Amino acid sequence: MRKPIIPFIISVSLILIACGNETNNQASTATASDTIAAMPTNTASEKTYDVKILDNKKDPTCGMPVTAGVSDTAQYKNKVVGFCSSECKAEFLKNPEANIAAAELVK
């Protein structure tokens, strides 16, 4: 009578061990994906601007074309001026009158 019980106990033990490993793998996978999802992404904090709203063809500080990408804007004399970086915007704001000619205003 003991012989059928031993294979049954071994089978149940193997099933429980296998299920335990699968649960741990799923838990670690869920933890990894939760961590990735919880991490902030740069695209959420970075703003992108449509070139159509800008009144300039070039960044007035460095001369880069606004079609290459705009990360910041400023309004100057009812014009929306786009900049490639916040550093360029800060430099422009120090003396906007001297830099506005380099912007190549379109409107």
N, C-alpha and C. Protein backbone atom coordinates (compact mmCIF):
# COMPACT_ATOMS: atom_id res chain seq x y z
N MET A 1 0.81 -1.18 0.00
CA MET A 1 0.00 0.00 0.00
C MET A 1 0.86 1.26 0.00
N ARG A 2 2.02 1.22 0.51
CA ARG A 2 2.90 2.38 0.56
C ARG A 2 3.49 2.70 -0.82
N LYS A 3 3.62 1.75 -1.70
CA LYS A 3 4.24 1.97 -2.99
C LYS A 3 3.49 3.00 -3.85
N PRO A 4 2.17 2.97 -3.94
CA PRO A 4 1.49 4.00 -4.75
C PRO A 4 1.57 5.40 -4.13
N ILE A 5 1.72 5.50 -2.86
CA ILE A 5 1.77 6.80 -2.20
C ILE A 5 3.09 7.51 -2.50
N ILE A 6 4.17 6.82 -2.56
CA ILE A 6 5.48 7.44 -2.79
C ILE A 6 5.54 8.11 -4.18
N PRO A 7 5.16 7.43 -5.27
CA PRO A 7 5.17 8.13 -6.57
C PRO A 7 4.22 9.33 -6.58
N PHE A 8 3.09 9.21 -5.89
CA PHE A 8 2.15 10.32 -5.82
C PHE A 8 2.78 11.53 -5.12
N ILE A 9 3.45 11.30 -4.02
CA ILE A 9 4.09 12.38 -3.26
C ILE A 9 5.21 13.02 -4.10
N ILE A 10 5.97 12.18 -4.80
CA ILE A 10 7.04 12.70 -5.67
C ILE A 10 6.45 13.54 -6.79
N SER A 11 5.37 13.07 -7.40
CA SER A 11 4.73 13.81 -8.49
C SER A 11 4.19 15.15 -8.01
N VAL A 12 3.52 15.15 -6.89
CA VAL A 12 2.97 16.39 -6.33
C VAL A 12 4.10 17.35 -5.97
N SER A 13 5.17 16.83 -5.42
CA SER A 13 6.31 17.68 -5.06
C SER A 13 6.93 18.32 -6.29
N LEU A 14 7.09 17.56 -7.37
CA LEU A 14 7.66 18.10 -8.60
C LEU A 14 6.75 19.16 -9.20
N ILE A 15 5.46 18.94 -9.16
CA ILE A 15 4.50 19.92 -9.70
C ILE A 15 4.57 21.21 -8.88
N LEU A 16 4.61 21.08 -7.56
CA LEU A 16 4.68 22.26 -6.71
C LEU A 16 5.99 23.03 -6.92
N ILE A 17 7.08 22.30 -7.09
CA ILE A 17 8.37 22.96 -7.35
C ILE A 17 8.33 23.67 -8.68
N ALA A 18 7.79 23.02 -9.70
CA ALA A 18 7.72 23.63 -11.03
C ALA A 18 6.81 24.86 -11.01
N CYS A 19 5.69 24.78 -10.33
CA CYS A 19 4.79 25.93 -10.25
C CYS A 19 5.43 27.07 -9.46
N GLY A 20 6.17 26.75 -8.46
CA GLY A 20 6.85 27.77 -7.67
C GLY A 20 7.88 28.50 -8.49
N ASN A 21 8.62 27.82 -9.33
CA ASN A 21 9.61 28.47 -10.19
C ASN A 21 8.94 29.35 -11.23
N GLU A 22 7.84 28.89 -11.78
CA GLU A 22 7.13 29.68 -12.78
C GLU A 22 6.59 30.96 -12.16
N THR A 23 6.07 30.87 -10.96
CA THR A 23 5.56 32.04 -10.27
C THR A 23 6.67 33.03 -10.00
N ASN A 24 7.84 32.55 -9.58
CA ASN A 24 8.97 33.43 -9.31
C ASN A 24 9.44 34.12 -10.59
N ASN A 25 9.46 33.39 -11.71
CA ASN A 25 9.86 34.00 -12.97
C ASN A 25 8.88 35.08 -13.40
N GLN A 26 7.60 34.80 -13.23
CA GLN A 26 6.60 35.79 -13.60
C GLN A 26 6.70 37.01 -12.69
N ALA A 27 6.96 36.79 -11.43
CA ALA A 27 7.08 37.90 -10.50
C ALA A 27 8.28 38.76 -10.84
N SER A 28 9.41 38.14 -11.16
CA SER A 28 10.60 38.93 -11.49
C SER A 28 10.40 39.66 -12.80
N THR A 29 9.71 39.06 -13.76
CA THR A 29 9.44 39.73 -15.02
C THR A 29 8.52 40.91 -14.79
N ALA A 30 7.50 40.73 -13.98
CA ALA A 30 6.58 41.82 -13.70
C ALA A 30 7.30 42.96 -12.98
N THR A 31 8.19 42.61 -12.07
CA THR A 31 8.93 43.64 -11.36
C THR A 31 9.81 44.42 -12.31
N ALA A 32 10.47 43.73 -13.24
CA ALA A 32 11.34 44.41 -14.19
C ALA A 32 10.53 45.33 -15.10
N SER A 33 9.39 44.87 -15.59
CA SER A 33 8.58 45.71 -16.47
C SER A 33 7.95 46.86 -15.70
N ASP A 34 7.59 46.63 -14.44
CA ASP A 34 7.04 47.71 -13.63
C ASP A 34 8.09 48.79 -13.40
N THR A 35 9.33 48.37 -13.18
CA THR A 35 10.41 49.32 -12.96
C THR A 35 10.63 50.16 -14.21
N ILE A 36 10.61 49.54 -15.37
CA ILE A 36 10.81 50.27 -16.61
C ILE A 36 9.67 51.23 -16.85
N ALA A 37 8.46 50.79 -16.60
CA ALA A 37 7.30 51.64 -16.82
C ALA A 37 7.28 52.82 -15.85
N ALA A 38 7.81 52.62 -14.65
CA ALA A 38 7.78 53.67 -13.65
C ALA A 38 8.87 54.71 -13.85
N MET A 39 9.89 54.37 -14.63
CA MET A 39 10.98 55.31 -14.86
C MET A 39 10.52 56.43 -15.78
N PRO A 40 10.84 57.67 -15.45
CA PRO A 40 10.44 58.77 -16.34
C PRO A 40 11.23 58.73 -17.64
N THR A 41 10.57 59.09 -18.71
CA THR A 41 11.24 59.12 -20.01
C THR A 41 11.56 60.55 -20.37
N ASN A 42 12.59 60.72 -21.15
CA ASN A 42 12.99 62.06 -21.57
C ASN A 42 11.96 62.71 -22.47
N THR A 43 11.28 61.92 -23.30
CA THR A 43 10.33 62.50 -24.22
C THR A 43 9.18 63.18 -23.52
N ALA A 44 8.84 62.72 -22.30
CA ALA A 44 7.76 63.37 -21.58
C ALA A 44 8.17 64.74 -21.09
N SER A 45 9.43 64.90 -20.70
CA SER A 45 9.88 66.18 -20.20
C SER A 45 10.34 67.12 -21.31
N GLU A 46 10.70 66.59 -22.45
CA GLU A 46 11.14 67.41 -23.57
C GLU A 46 9.93 67.88 -24.36
N LYS A 47 9.92 69.15 -24.68
CA LYS A 47 8.84 69.69 -25.50
C LYS A 47 9.32 69.73 -26.94
N THR A 48 8.42 69.48 -27.83
CA THR A 48 8.72 69.64 -29.25
C THR A 48 7.75 70.65 -29.81
N TYR A 49 8.23 71.45 -30.73
CA TYR A 49 7.41 72.50 -31.29
C TYR A 49 7.31 72.31 -32.79
N ASP A 50 6.15 72.61 -33.32
CA ASP A 50 5.92 72.55 -34.75
C ASP A 50 6.54 73.81 -35.37
N VAL A 51 7.32 73.63 -36.40
CA VAL A 51 8.00 74.74 -37.06
C VAL A 51 6.99 75.75 -37.60
N LYS A 52 5.79 75.32 -37.89
CA LYS A 52 4.77 76.22 -38.45
C LYS A 52 4.39 77.36 -37.51
N ILE A 53 4.55 77.16 -36.20
CA ILE A 53 4.18 78.21 -35.25
C ILE A 53 5.29 79.25 -35.07
N LEU A 54 6.46 78.99 -35.62
CA LEU A 54 7.61 79.87 -35.42
C LEU A 54 7.67 80.97 -36.47
N ASP A 55 8.23 82.08 -36.07
CA ASP A 55 8.41 83.21 -36.98
C ASP A 55 9.86 83.34 -37.45
N ASN A 56 10.69 82.37 -37.15
CA ASN A 56 12.09 82.44 -37.57
C ASN A 56 12.51 81.18 -38.31
N LYS A 57 13.51 81.34 -39.19
CA LYS A 57 14.06 80.21 -39.93
C LYS A 57 15.26 79.60 -39.22
N LYS A 58 15.99 80.43 -38.47
CA LYS A 58 17.21 80.00 -37.80
C LYS A 58 17.19 80.39 -36.33
N ASP A 59 17.89 79.61 -35.53
CA ASP A 59 18.12 79.98 -34.14
C ASP A 59 18.94 81.27 -34.16
N PRO A 60 18.45 82.36 -33.56
CA PRO A 60 19.17 83.62 -33.65
C PRO A 60 20.51 83.64 -32.92
N THR A 61 20.74 82.70 -32.04
CA THR A 61 21.98 82.68 -31.28
C THR A 61 23.07 81.90 -31.98
N CYS A 62 22.74 80.67 -32.42
CA CYS A 62 23.77 79.82 -33.01
C CYS A 62 23.63 79.65 -34.52
N GLY A 63 22.49 80.05 -35.09
CA GLY A 63 22.29 79.97 -36.53
C GLY A 63 21.80 78.63 -37.04
N MET A 64 21.50 77.71 -36.15
CA MET A 64 21.00 76.41 -36.57
C MET A 64 19.59 76.55 -37.15
N PRO A 65 19.30 75.88 -38.27
CA PRO A 65 17.94 75.94 -38.83
C PRO A 65 16.92 75.35 -37.85
N VAL A 66 15.78 76.00 -37.72
CA VAL A 66 14.76 75.50 -36.79
C VAL A 66 14.17 74.18 -37.27
N THR A 67 14.32 73.87 -38.55
CA THR A 67 13.81 72.59 -39.06
C THR A 67 14.61 71.42 -38.49
N ALA A 68 15.79 71.67 -37.93
CA ALA A 68 16.59 70.61 -37.31
C ALA A 68 16.07 70.24 -35.93
N GLY A 69 15.24 71.08 -35.36
CA GLY A 69 14.67 70.78 -34.05
C GLY A 69 14.64 72.00 -33.15
N VAL A 70 13.54 72.17 -32.45
CA VAL A 70 13.36 73.30 -31.55
C VAL A 70 13.01 72.74 -30.18
N SER A 71 13.76 73.14 -29.16
CA SER A 71 13.46 72.65 -27.82
C SER A 71 12.94 73.75 -26.89
N ASP A 72 12.98 75.00 -27.35
CA ASP A 72 12.49 76.09 -26.52
C ASP A 72 12.06 77.25 -27.41
N THR A 73 11.18 78.08 -26.90
CA THR A 73 10.70 79.25 -27.65
C THR A 73 10.65 80.46 -26.73
N ALA A 74 10.57 81.60 -27.36
CA ALA A 74 10.36 82.86 -26.63
C ALA A 74 9.52 83.76 -27.52
N GLN A 75 8.78 84.65 -26.89
CA GLN A 75 8.00 85.62 -27.65
C GLN A 75 8.73 86.95 -27.54
N TYR A 76 8.98 87.54 -28.71
CA TYR A 76 9.69 88.82 -28.76
C TYR A 76 9.03 89.70 -29.81
N LYS A 77 8.53 90.84 -29.40
CA LYS A 77 7.84 91.79 -30.28
C LYS A 77 6.76 91.09 -31.11
N ASN A 78 5.88 90.36 -30.45
CA ASN A 78 4.78 89.62 -31.07
C ASN A 78 5.23 88.57 -32.08
N LYS A 79 6.43 88.08 -31.95
CA LYS A 79 6.96 87.02 -32.79
C LYS A 79 7.33 85.84 -31.90
N VAL A 80 7.06 84.63 -32.40
CA VAL A 80 7.46 83.42 -31.68
C VAL A 80 8.79 82.97 -32.26
N VAL A 81 9.82 83.02 -31.43
CA VAL A 81 11.17 82.69 -31.86
C VAL A 81 11.56 81.34 -31.27
N GLY A 82 12.02 80.43 -32.14
CA GLY A 82 12.41 79.09 -31.70
C GLY A 82 13.91 78.98 -31.51
N PHE A 83 14.29 78.14 -30.54
CA PHE A 83 15.70 77.94 -30.21
C PHE A 83 16.00 76.44 -30.15
N CYS A 84 17.24 76.10 -30.48
CA CYS A 84 17.64 74.69 -30.45
C CYS A 84 17.84 74.20 -29.02
N SER A 85 18.11 75.11 -28.08
CA SER A 85 18.34 74.72 -26.69
C SER A 85 17.98 75.87 -25.76
N SER A 86 17.86 75.55 -24.49
CA SER A 86 17.56 76.59 -23.50
C SER A 86 18.76 77.52 -23.32
N GLU A 87 19.96 77.02 -23.57
CA GLU A 87 21.15 77.86 -23.48
C GLU A 87 21.12 78.95 -24.55
N CYS A 88 20.72 78.58 -25.78
CA CYS A 88 20.61 79.57 -26.85
C CYS A 88 19.55 80.61 -26.52
N LYS A 89 18.45 80.16 -25.94
CA LYS A 89 17.39 81.10 -25.56
C LYS A 89 17.90 82.07 -24.50
N ALA A 90 18.61 81.55 -23.50
CA ALA A 90 19.13 82.41 -22.44
C ALA A 90 20.11 83.44 -23.01
N GLU A 91 20.94 83.04 -23.94
CA GLU A 91 21.89 83.95 -24.57
C GLU A 91 21.14 85.03 -25.38
N PHE A 92 20.11 84.62 -26.09
CA PHE A 92 19.29 85.57 -26.87
C PHE A 92 18.65 86.61 -25.95
N LEU A 93 18.11 86.16 -24.84
CA LEU A 93 17.39 87.06 -23.93
C LEU A 93 18.30 88.08 -23.27
N LYS A 94 19.60 87.85 -23.26
CA LYS A 94 20.53 88.84 -22.70
C LYS A 94 20.54 90.11 -23.55
N ASN A 95 20.41 89.97 -24.87
CA ASN A 95 20.41 91.12 -25.77
C ASN A 95 19.60 90.77 -27.02
N PRO A 96 18.28 90.71 -26.91
CA PRO A 96 17.46 90.26 -28.03
C PRO A 96 17.53 91.18 -29.25
N GLU A 97 17.64 92.47 -29.04
CA GLU A 97 17.66 93.40 -30.17
C GLU A 97 18.88 93.15 -31.07
N ALA A 98 20.00 92.82 -30.48
CA ALA A 98 21.21 92.56 -31.26
C ALA A 98 21.14 91.21 -31.99
N ASN A 99 20.40 90.26 -31.44
CA ASN A 99 20.37 88.91 -32.00
C ASN A 99 19.20 88.64 -32.95
N ILE A 100 18.19 89.46 -32.94
CA ILE A 100 16.98 89.16 -33.71
C ILE A 100 17.23 89.14 -35.22
N ALA A 101 18.17 89.91 -35.70
CA ALA A 101 18.44 89.92 -37.15
C ALA A 101 18.93 88.57 -37.65
N ALA A 102 19.64 87.84 -36.80
CA ALA A 102 20.16 86.52 -37.21
C ALA A 102 19.06 85.46 -37.27
N ALA A 103 17.88 85.76 -36.76
CA ALA A 103 16.79 84.78 -36.73
C ALA A 103 16.17 84.55 -38.10
N GLU A 104 16.38 85.47 -39.03
CA GLU A 104 15.75 85.40 -40.34
C GLU A 104 14.25 85.20 -40.21
N LEU A 105 13.58 86.22 -39.73
CA LEU A 105 12.13 86.17 -39.51
C LEU A 105 11.41 85.95 -40.84
N VAL A 106 10.36 85.13 -40.80
CA VAL A 106 9.63 84.78 -42.01
C VAL A 106 8.27 85.46 -42.10
N LYS A 107 7.73 85.97 -41.04
CA LYS A 107 6.38 86.55 -41.07
C LYS A 107 6.41 88.03 -40.83
